[in-house]
C-alpha atoms as a PDB file:
ATOM      1  CA  MET A   1      -6.673  -6.218  11.404  1.00  0.00           C
ATOM      2  CA  GLU A   2      -9.747  -6.714  13.409  1.00  0.00           C
ATOM      3  CA  LEU A   3     -12.914  -5.460  11.974  1.00  0.00           C
ATOM      4  CA  ASN A   4     -13.357  -3.052  15.204  1.00  0.00           C
ATOM      5  CA  ARG A   5      -9.858  -2.006  14.965  1.00  0.00           C
ATOM      6  CA  LEU A   6     -10.322  -1.040  11.220  1.00  0.00           C
ATOM      7  CA  SER A   7     -13.197   1.358  12.221  1.00  0.00           C
ATOM      8  CA  LEU A   8     -11.073   2.979  15.009  1.00  0.00           C
ATOM      9  CA  ASP A   9      -7.873   3.241  12.421  1.00  0.00           C
ATOM     10  CA  TYR A  10     -10.068   4.495   9.783  1.00  0.00           C
ATOM     11  CA  LYS A  11     -11.245   7.555  11.815  1.00  0.00           C
ATOM     12  CA  GLY A  12      -7.582   8.096  13.828  1.00  0.00           C
ATOM     13  CA  ILE A  13      -8.966   8.036  17.147  1.00  0.00           C
ATOM     14  CA  PRO A  14      -5.912   6.981  19.580  1.00  0.00           C
ATOM     15  CA  TYR A  15      -6.733   3.397  21.476  1.00  0.00           C
ATOM     16  CA  ARG A  16      -5.390   0.999  23.126  1.00  0.00           C
ATOM     17  CA  VAL A  17      -6.041  -2.784  23.599  1.00  0.00           C
ATOM     18  CA  GLU A  18      -6.178  -4.808  26.447  1.00  0.00           C
ATOM     19  CA  TYR A  19      -6.162  -8.933  26.451  1.00  0.00           C
ATOM     20  CA  PHE A  20      -8.468 -10.960  28.703  1.00  0.00           C
ATOM     21  CA  SER A  21      -8.518 -14.716  28.950  1.00  0.00           C
ATOM     22  CA  PHE A  22     -12.208 -16.380  28.480  1.00  0.00           C
ATOM     23  CA  PRO A  23     -12.792 -17.378  32.135  1.00  0.00           C
ATOM     24  CA  ASP A  24     -12.113 -13.798  33.124  1.00  0.00           C
ATOM     25  CA  ILE A  25     -14.785 -11.901  30.582  1.00  0.00           C
ATOM     26  CA  GLU A  26     -17.752 -12.393  32.214  1.00  0.00           C
ATOM     27  CA  PRO A  27     -16.744 -11.269  36.088  1.00  0.00           C
ATOM     28  CA  LYS A  28     -14.500  -8.505  34.354  1.00  0.00           C
ATOM     29  CA  MET A  29     -18.071  -7.649  32.458  1.00  0.00           C
ATOM     30  CA  LYS A  30     -19.985  -7.623  35.449  1.00  0.00           C
ATOM     31  CA  GLU A  31     -17.241  -5.695  37.879  1.00  0.00           C
ATOM     32  CA  LEU A  32     -18.154  -2.999  35.074  1.00  0.00           C
ATOM     33  CA  GLY A  33     -21.337  -2.948  34.734  1.00  0.00           C
ATOM     34  CA  VAL A  34     -21.670  -3.650  31.504  1.00  0.00           C
ATOM     35  CA  PRO A  35     -24.783  -5.995  30.312  1.00  0.00           C
ATOM     36  CA  PRO A  36     -23.886  -8.846  27.537  1.00  0.00           C
ATOM     37  CA  SER A  37     -24.023  -7.867  24.030  1.00  0.00           C
ATOM     38  CA  SER A  38     -26.635  -9.548  22.719  1.00  0.00           C
ATOM     39  CA  ASP A  39     -30.512  -9.565  24.301  1.00  0.00           C
ATOM     40  CA  ASN A  40     -30.883 -12.982  22.510  1.00  0.00           C
ATOM     41  CA  HIS A  41     -27.451 -14.621  23.966  1.00  0.00           C
ATOM     42  CA  PRO A  42     -26.940 -13.508  26.971  1.00  0.00           C
ATOM     43  CA  ARG A  43     -23.374 -14.766  27.456  1.00  0.00           C
ATOM     44  CA  TYR A  44     -20.810 -12.087  27.240  1.00  0.00           C
ATOM     45  CA  THR A  45     -18.169 -12.060  24.875  1.00  0.00           C
ATOM     46  CA  ILE A  46     -15.188  -9.661  24.965  1.00  0.00           C
ATOM     47  CA  PRO A  47     -14.933  -7.349  27.743  1.00  0.00           C
ATOM     48  CA  SER A  48     -13.061  -3.929  28.215  1.00  0.00           C
ATOM     49  CA  LYS A  49     -11.819  -1.690  31.061  1.00  0.00           C
ATOM     50  CA  PRO A  50     -11.023   2.041  31.148  1.00  0.00           C
ATOM     51  CA  PHE A  51      -7.795   3.781  30.311  1.00  0.00           C
ATOM     52  CA  PRO A  52      -6.471   7.097  31.612  1.00  0.00           C
ATOM     53  CA  MET A  53      -6.435   8.553  28.186  1.00  0.00           C
ATOM     54  CA  ASN A  54      -8.440  11.391  26.685  1.00  0.00           C
ATOM     55  CA  LYS A  55      -9.636   9.007  23.384  1.00  0.00           C
ATOM     56  CA  TRP A  56     -10.407   5.763  23.567  1.00  0.00           C
ATOM     57  CA  ALA A  57      -9.705   2.696  25.069  1.00  0.00           C
ATOM     58  CA  HIS A  58     -10.544  -0.884  23.127  1.00  0.00           C
ATOM     59  CA  ALA A  59      -9.803  -4.247  24.509  1.00  0.00           C
ATOM     60  CA  ASN A  60     -10.621  -7.617  22.791  1.00  0.00           C
ATOM     61  CA  GLN A  61      -9.602 -11.007  23.384  1.00  0.00           C
ATOM     62  CA  ASN A  62      -7.372 -12.515  20.620  1.00  0.00           C
ATOM     63  CA  SER A  63      -9.382 -10.473  17.828  1.00  0.00           C
ATOM     64  CA  LEU A  64     -12.152 -13.156  18.224  1.00  0.00           C
ATOM     65  CA  GLY A  65     -15.528 -12.511  18.876  1.00  0.00           C
ATOM     66  CA  ARG A  66     -17.415  -9.493  19.822  1.00  0.00           C
ATOM     67  CA  LEU A  67     -16.055  -6.864  21.934  1.00  0.00           C
ATOM     68  CA  VAL A  68     -16.962  -4.104  23.853  1.00  0.00           C
ATOM     69  CA  ILE A  69     -15.104  -0.501  23.776  1.00  0.00           C
ATOM     70  CA  ALA A  70     -14.718   2.021  26.201  1.00  0.00           C
ATOM     71  CA  ASP A  71     -15.063   5.916  26.010  1.00  0.00           C
ATOM     72  CA  PRO A  72     -13.225   7.340  28.779  1.00  0.00           C
ATOM     73  CA  SER A  73     -15.104  10.356  30.403  1.00  0.00           C
ATOM     74  CA  SER A  74     -14.228  13.478  29.452  1.00  0.00           C
ATOM     75  CA  GLU A  75     -14.732  14.740  33.298  1.00  0.00           C
ATOM     76  CA  THR A  76     -12.159  13.459  35.796  1.00  0.00           C
ATOM     77  CA  ASN A  77     -13.141  10.436  37.939  1.00  0.00           C
ATOM     78  CA  GLY A  78     -16.243  10.074  35.463  1.00  0.00           C
ATOM     79  CA  THR A  79     -17.818   6.814  33.657  1.00  0.00           C
ATOM     80  CA  PRO A  80     -16.301   5.520  30.753  1.00  0.00           C
ATOM     81  CA  THR A  81     -19.432   5.054  28.198  1.00  0.00           C
ATOM     82  CA  TYR A  82     -19.360   1.342  27.013  1.00  0.00           C
ATOM     83  CA  ILE A  83     -20.478   0.139  23.664  1.00  0.00           C
ATOM     84  CA  SER A  84     -20.537  -3.612  22.709  1.00  0.00           C
ATOM     85  CA  ASP A  85     -21.621  -5.105  19.091  1.00  0.00           C
ATOM     86  CA  SER A  86     -19.165  -4.325  16.417  1.00  0.00           C
ATOM     87  CA  LEU A  87     -22.141  -2.535  14.349  1.00  0.00           C
ATOM     88  CA  LYS A  88     -23.220  -0.491  17.610  1.00  0.00           C
ATOM     89  CA  ILE A  89     -19.653   0.421  17.742  1.00  0.00           C
ATOM     90  CA  ALA A  90     -19.135   1.742  14.319  1.00  0.00           C
ATOM     91  CA  ILE A  91     -22.499   3.884  14.613  1.00  0.00           C
ATOM     92  CA  TYR A  92     -21.633   5.383  17.990  1.00  0.00           C
ATOM     93  CA  LEU A  93     -17.906   6.243  16.313  1.00  0.00           C
ATOM     94  CA  ASP A  94     -19.515   7.925  13.542  1.00  0.00           C
ATOM     95  CA  ASP A  95     -22.350   9.993  15.933  1.00  0.00           C
ATOM     96  CA  LYS A  96     -19.173  11.035  18.589  1.00  0.00           C
ATOM     97  CA  TYR A  97     -16.769  11.991  16.009  1.00  0.00           C
ATOM     98  CA  PRO A  98     -18.739  12.932  12.970  1.00  0.00           C
ATOM     99  CA  ALA A  99     -17.187  13.847   9.560  1.00  0.00           C
ATOM    100  CA  PRO A 100     -15.753  16.085   7.819  1.00  0.00           C
ATOM    101  CA  LYS A 101     -12.997  16.423  11.065  1.00  0.00           C
ATOM    102  CA  TYR A 102     -13.033  12.259  11.168  1.00  0.00           C
ATOM    103  CA  PRO A 103     -14.007  10.274   7.954  1.00  0.00           C
ATOM    104  CA  ALA A 104     -17.263   8.207   8.072  1.00  0.00           C
ATOM    105  CA  ILE A 105     -17.822   4.996   8.337  1.00  0.00           C
ATOM    106  CA  PHE A 106     -21.453   5.354   7.326  1.00  0.00           C
ATOM    107  CA  ALA A 107     -22.026   7.033   4.110  1.00  0.00           C
ATOM    108  CA  PRO A 108     -25.098   9.316   4.282  1.00  0.00           C
ATOM    109  CA  GLY A 109     -28.192   7.327   4.106  1.00  0.00           C
ATOM    110  CA  THR A 110     -26.486   3.911   4.527  1.00  0.00           C
ATOM    111  CA  ARG A 111     -26.923   3.113   7.922  1.00  0.00           C
ATOM    112  CA  SER A 112     -29.753   1.150   7.067  1.00  0.00           C
ATOM    113  CA  LEU A 113     -28.695  -0.872   4.194  1.00  0.00           C
ATOM    114  CA  GLN A 114     -25.268  -1.708   5.768  1.00  0.00           C
ATOM    115  CA  HIS A 115     -27.124  -3.329   8.456  1.00  0.00           C
ATOM    116  CA  LEU A 116     -29.693  -5.176   6.065  1.00  0.00           C
ATOM    117  CA  ILE A 117     -26.563  -7.102   4.398  1.00  0.00           C
ATOM    118  CA  VAL A 118     -24.333  -7.336   7.917  1.00  0.00           C
ATOM    119  CA  THR A 119     -27.079  -8.780  10.025  1.00  0.00           C
ATOM    120  CA  GLN A 120     -29.003 -10.683   6.892  1.00  0.00           C
ATOM    121  CA  TYR A 121     -26.591 -12.006   4.454  1.00  0.00           C
ATOM    122  CA  PHE A 122     -22.831 -12.461   6.158  1.00  0.00           C
ATOM    123  CA  PRO A 123     -24.440 -15.074   9.093  1.00  0.00           C
ATOM    124  CA  THR A 124     -25.301 -16.632   5.795  1.00  0.00           C
ATOM    125  CA  ILE A 125     -21.132 -16.713   5.214  1.00  0.00           C
ATOM    126  CA  GLY A 126     -20.743 -17.259   9.384  1.00  0.00           C
ATOM    127  CA  VAL A 127     -22.459 -20.439   9.432  1.00  0.00           C
ATOM    128  CA  SER A 128     -20.200 -22.390   6.738  1.00  0.00           C
ATOM    129  CA  ILE A 129     -16.901 -20.514   7.555  1.00  0.00           C
ATOM    130  CA  GLY A 130     -17.393 -20.828  11.272  1.00  0.00           C
ATOM    131  CA  PRO A 131     -17.289 -25.035  11.694  1.00  0.00           C
ATOM    132  CA  ILE A 132     -14.309 -24.850   9.507  1.00  0.00           C
ATOM    133  CA  PHE A 133     -12.189 -22.455  12.009  1.00  0.00           C
ATOM    134  CA  ALA A 134     -13.443 -22.796  15.190  1.00  0.00           C
ATOM    135  CA  PRO A 135     -11.501 -26.119  16.100  1.00  0.00           C
ATOM    136  CA  LEU A 136      -8.308 -24.012  15.139  1.00  0.00           C
ATOM    137  CA  LEU A 137      -9.167 -21.285  17.934  1.00  0.00           C
ATOM    138  CA  PRO A 138      -6.630 -23.144  20.407  1.00  0.00           C
ATOM    139  CA  ARG A 139      -3.926 -21.795  18.314  1.00  0.00           C
ATOM    140  CA  LEU A 140      -4.541 -18.105  19.271  1.00  0.00           C
ATOM    141  CA  LEU A 141      -5.058 -18.468  22.841  1.00  0.00           C
ATOM    142  CA  ASP A 142      -3.880 -19.218  26.352  1.00  0.00           C
ATOM    143  CA  ASP A 143      -3.852 -22.278  27.866  1.00  0.00           C
ATOM    144  CA  ARG A 144      -6.662 -21.240  30.550  1.00  0.00           C
ATOM    145  CA  SER A 145      -9.043 -19.839  27.429  1.00  0.00           C
ATOM    146  CA  THR A 146      -8.132 -22.952  25.806  1.00  0.00           C
ATOM    147  CA  GLU A 147      -9.662 -25.294  28.291  1.00  0.00           C
ATOM    148  CA  TYR A 148     -12.489 -22.707  28.432  1.00  0.00           C
ATOM    149  CA  LEU A 149     -13.620 -23.482  25.387  1.00  0.00           C
ATOM    150  CA  ASN A 150     -13.125 -26.790  25.591  1.00  0.00           C
ATOM    151  CA  ARG A 151     -15.178 -27.332  28.642  1.00  0.00           C
ATOM    152  CA  THR A 152     -17.805 -25.165  27.606  1.00  0.00           C
ATOM    153  CA  ARG A 153     -18.310 -25.179  23.891  1.00  0.00           C
ATOM    154  CA  GLY A 154     -16.234 -28.283  23.113  1.00  0.00           C
ATOM    155  CA  ASP A 155     -18.849 -29.655  20.624  1.00  0.00           C
ATOM    156  CA  ARG A 156     -18.145 -26.117  18.567  1.00  0.00           C
ATOM    157  CA  ILE A 157     -14.480 -26.735  18.152  1.00  0.00           C
ATOM    158  CA  LYS A 158     -13.921 -30.453  17.010  1.00  0.00           C
ATOM    159  CA  PRO A 159     -12.829 -30.915  13.887  1.00  0.00           C
ATOM    160  CA  LEU A 160     -15.063 -31.474  10.695  1.00  0.00           C
ATOM    161  CA  PRO A 161     -14.774 -34.637   8.496  1.00  0.00           C
ATOM    162  CA  ASP A 162     -12.538 -33.452   5.669  1.00  0.00           C
ATOM    163  CA  ASP A 163     -15.522 -33.923   3.091  1.00  0.00           C
ATOM    164  CA  VAL A 164     -17.918 -31.861   5.392  1.00  0.00           C
ATOM    165  CA  ALA A 165     -15.110 -29.224   5.732  1.00  0.00           C
ATOM    166  CA  SER A 166     -15.115 -29.377   1.842  1.00  0.00           C
ATOM    167  CA  GLN A 167     -18.804 -28.778   1.536  1.00  0.00           C
ATOM    168  CA  LYS A 168     -18.668 -25.885   3.664  1.00  0.00           C
ATOM    169  CA  TRP A 169     -15.680 -24.369   2.165  1.00  0.00           C
ATOM    170  CA  GLU A 170     -17.501 -24.635  -1.533  1.00  0.00           C
ATOM    171  CA  GLN A 171     -20.402 -23.015   0.100  1.00  0.00           C
ATOM    172  CA  VAL A 172     -18.824 -19.890   1.876  1.00  0.00           C
ATOM    173  CA  ARG A 173     -16.738 -19.381  -2.057  1.00  0.00           C
ATOM    174  CA  GLU A 174     -20.792 -19.732  -3.817  1.00  0.00           C
ATOM    175  CA  LYS A 175     -21.601 -16.708  -0.702  1.00  0.00           C
ATOM    176  CA  PHE A 176     -18.632 -14.763  -1.790  1.00  0.00           C
ATOM    177  CA  ALA A 177     -19.442 -14.905  -5.743  1.00  0.00           C
ATOM    178  CA  ALA A 178     -22.903 -14.159  -4.980  1.00  0.00           C
ATOM    179  CA  PHE A 179     -21.676 -11.289  -3.260  1.00  0.00           C
ATOM    180  CA  SER A 180     -19.192 -10.364  -5.774  1.00  0.00           C
ATOM    181  CA  LYS A 181     -21.946 -10.218  -8.701  1.00  0.00           C
ATOM    182  CA  SER A 182     -23.281  -7.282  -6.934  1.00  0.00           C
ATOM    183  CA  LEU A 183     -20.350  -5.611  -6.559  1.00  0.00           C
ATOM    184  CA  GLN A 184     -19.801  -5.957 -10.253  1.00  0.00           C
ATOM    185  CA  LEU A 185     -22.246  -2.992 -11.005  1.00  0.00           C
ATOM    186  CA  ASN A 186     -19.834  -0.494 -10.365  1.00  0.00           C
ATOM    187  CA  ASP A 187     -16.723  -2.132 -11.829  1.00  0.00           C
ATOM    188  CA  GLY A 188     -16.460   0.385 -15.775  1.00  0.00           C
ATOM    189  CA  THR A 189     -18.047   3.218 -13.894  1.00  0.00           C
ATOM    190  CA  LYS A 190     -16.836   6.632 -12.152  1.00  0.00           C
ATOM    191  CA  ASP A 191     -17.619   4.602  -8.615  1.00  0.00           C
ATOM    192  CA  GLU A 192     -15.584   1.937  -9.121  1.00  0.00           C
ATOM    193  CA  GLY A 193     -12.961   1.145  -6.332  1.00  0.00           C
ATOM    194  CA  PRO A 194     -11.514  -1.840  -3.923  1.00  0.00           C
ATOM    195  CA  PHE A 195     -14.304  -1.558  -1.808  1.00  0.00           C
ATOM    196  CA  ILE A 196     -17.778  -3.082  -1.287  1.00  0.00           C
ATOM    197  CA  MET A 197     -19.234   0.071  -2.192  1.00  0.00           C
ATOM    198  CA  GLY A 198     -16.696   1.324  -5.181  1.00  0.00           C
ATOM    199  CA  ASN A 199     -14.755   3.973  -3.809  1.00  0.00           C
ATOM    200  CA  VAL A 200     -15.996   4.788  -0.871  1.00  0.00           C
ATOM    201  CA  VAL A 201     -15.087   2.935   2.836  1.00  0.00           C
ATOM    202  CA  SER A 202     -17.800   1.222   4.498  1.00  0.00           C
ATOM    203  CA  PHE A 203     -18.439  -0.822   7.721  1.00  0.00           C
ATOM    204  CA  LEU A 204     -19.121  -3.626   5.438  1.00  0.00           C
ATOM    205  CA  ASP A 205     -15.996  -3.440   4.363  1.00  0.00           C
ATOM    206  CA  PHE A 206     -14.090  -4.043   7.639  1.00  0.00           C
ATOM    207  CA  ALA A 207     -16.525  -6.670   8.213  1.00  0.00           C
ATOM    208  CA  VAL A 208     -15.096  -8.574   5.014  1.00  0.00           C
ATOM    209  CA  GLY A 209     -11.506  -7.610   5.987  1.00  0.00           C
ATOM    210  CA  GLY A 210     -12.193  -9.236   9.546  1.00  0.00           C
ATOM    211  CA  MET A 211     -13.276 -12.665   7.962  1.00  0.00           C
ATOM    212  CA  VAL A 212     -10.484 -12.568   5.714  1.00  0.00           C
ATOM    213  CA  HIS A 213      -8.063 -11.715   8.592  1.00  0.00           C
ATOM    214  CA  TRP A 214      -9.497 -14.471  10.591  1.00  0.00           C
ATOM    215  CA  ILE A 215      -8.631 -17.085   8.299  1.00  0.00           C
ATOM    216  CA  LYS A 216      -4.936 -15.612   7.960  1.00  0.00           C
ATOM    217  CA  SER A 217      -4.609 -15.721  11.801  1.00  0.00           C
ATOM    218  CA  LEU A 218      -5.897 -19.274  12.306  1.00  0.00           C
ATOM    219  CA  GLU A 219      -4.049 -21.003   9.094  1.00  0.00           C
ATOM    220  CA  GLY A 220      -1.268 -18.569   8.509  1.00  0.00           C
ATOM    221  CA  GLU A 221       0.108 -16.631   5.535  1.00  0.00           C
ATOM    222  CA  ASP A 222       0.563 -19.541   3.769  1.00  0.00           C
ATOM    223  CA  SER A 223      -2.931 -20.914   4.210  1.00  0.00           C
ATOM    224  CA  ALA A 224      -4.469 -22.485   0.778  1.00  0.00           C
ATOM    225  CA  ARG A 225      -8.090 -21.148   1.716  1.00  0.00           C
ATOM    226  CA  LEU A 226      -6.240 -17.634   2.331  1.00  0.00           C
ATOM    227  CA  LYS A 227      -5.144 -18.081  -1.274  1.00  0.00           C
ATOM    228  CA  ASP A 228      -8.268 -19.501  -2.308  1.00  0.00           C
ATOM    229  CA  VAL A 229     -10.183 -16.214  -1.130  1.00  0.00           C
ATOM    230  CA  LEU A 230      -7.581 -13.958  -2.789  1.00  0.00           C
ATOM    231  CA  GLU A 231      -7.841 -15.701  -6.147  1.00  0.00           C
ATOM    232  CA  TRP A 232     -11.760 -15.840  -6.010  1.00  0.00           C
ATOM    233  CA  GLU A 233     -13.950 -13.408  -8.982  1.00  0.00           C
ATOM    234  CA  GLY A 234     -10.093 -12.736 -10.578  1.00  0.00           C
ATOM    235  CA  GLY A 235      -8.739 -11.166  -7.908  1.00  0.00           C
ATOM    236  CA  ARG A 236     -11.282  -8.747  -6.208  1.00  0.00           C
ATOM    237  CA  TRP A 237     -11.361 -10.007  -3.172  1.00  0.00           C
ATOM    238  CA  ALA A 238      -6.886  -9.540  -3.176  1.00  0.00           C
ATOM    239  CA  ARG A 239      -7.604  -6.051  -4.094  1.00  0.00           C
ATOM    240  CA  HIS A 240     -10.140  -5.317  -1.193  1.00  0.00           C
ATOM    241  CA  TRP A 241      -7.417  -7.394   1.450  1.00  0.00           C
ATOM    242  CA  GLU A 242      -4.670  -4.660   0.177  1.00  0.00           C
ATOM    243  CA  ALA A 243      -7.073  -1.638   0.657  1.00  0.00           C
ATOM    244  CA  MET A 244      -7.857  -3.053   4.273  1.00  0.00           C
ATOM    245  CA  LYS A 245      -4.188  -3.311   5.124  1.00  0.00           C
ATOM    246  CA  ALA A 246      -3.482   0.026   3.772  1.00  0.00           C
ATOM    247  CA  ILE A 247      -6.021   1.278   6.278  1.00  0.00           C
ATOM    248  CA  GLU A 248      -4.577  -0.788   9.302  1.00  0.00           C
ATOM    249  CA  TYR A 249      -0.726   0.640   7.945  1.00  0.00           C
ATOM    250  CA  LYS A 250      -2.030   3.765   9.243  1.00  0.00           C
ATOM    251  CA  SER A 251      -3.533   2.512  12.663  1.00  0.00           C
ATOM    252  CA  SER A 252      -3.907   4.870  15.815  1.00  0.00           C
ATOM    253  CA  ARG A 253      -3.237   2.538  17.873  1.00  0.00           C
ATOM    254  CA  VAL A 254      -1.112   3.416  20.876  1.00  0.00           C
ATOM    255  CA  ASP A 255       1.423   1.798  23.117  1.00  0.00           C
ATOM    256  CA  GLY A 256       1.916   2.051  26.828  1.00  0.00           C
END
């Protein structure tokens, strides 16, 4: 489960995944003529390449970082449309494959609000959760990617002292608790549901689901921290996690 795949799964758009090692990302992106996903940080992260499909090609690297998605052209030998950054991808999906034929990721009038939360609030969780789990990334990577990370970002994947990791995990808990306090406003109303917006699915759900999936992928099903999250706020995030797994279960990913 990864937030961009959730966007595709939710809308039911067929896609394929191709994996790349970290050292291959920048040359592949340049070969395809795809710019970095961020203007502020001109570093390539997750690449994509076109596939001979009528729908979508989605490539990522071990579900880590941003990605680029390729929408194959409807014209013979046409150039695919490349979109980078998860939020932009979701917006593109809603614009290109709109409701009611495809379910909407952004309910009418909520794009700006969801953008605000994703870009202003979620990063405050990331600054605490990132340093805890970044040292575990080699568990998911091939040898070339691990060597590349050690060489280029070695200072970012050094394990934290136990006391510092505990402090940062408490900060994560506080952020989730504050977020949950706002979500409680839907409880007991006709809009109550397992999602961030009650009974309405949104991009915010996929972002939170992606965070929880990251913990599970790096520490496993028996992760103490995963169990923490699922027990917080009376099991709110466990219910949310189950709702995300239900979307993933209906995956539109295709093989071959």
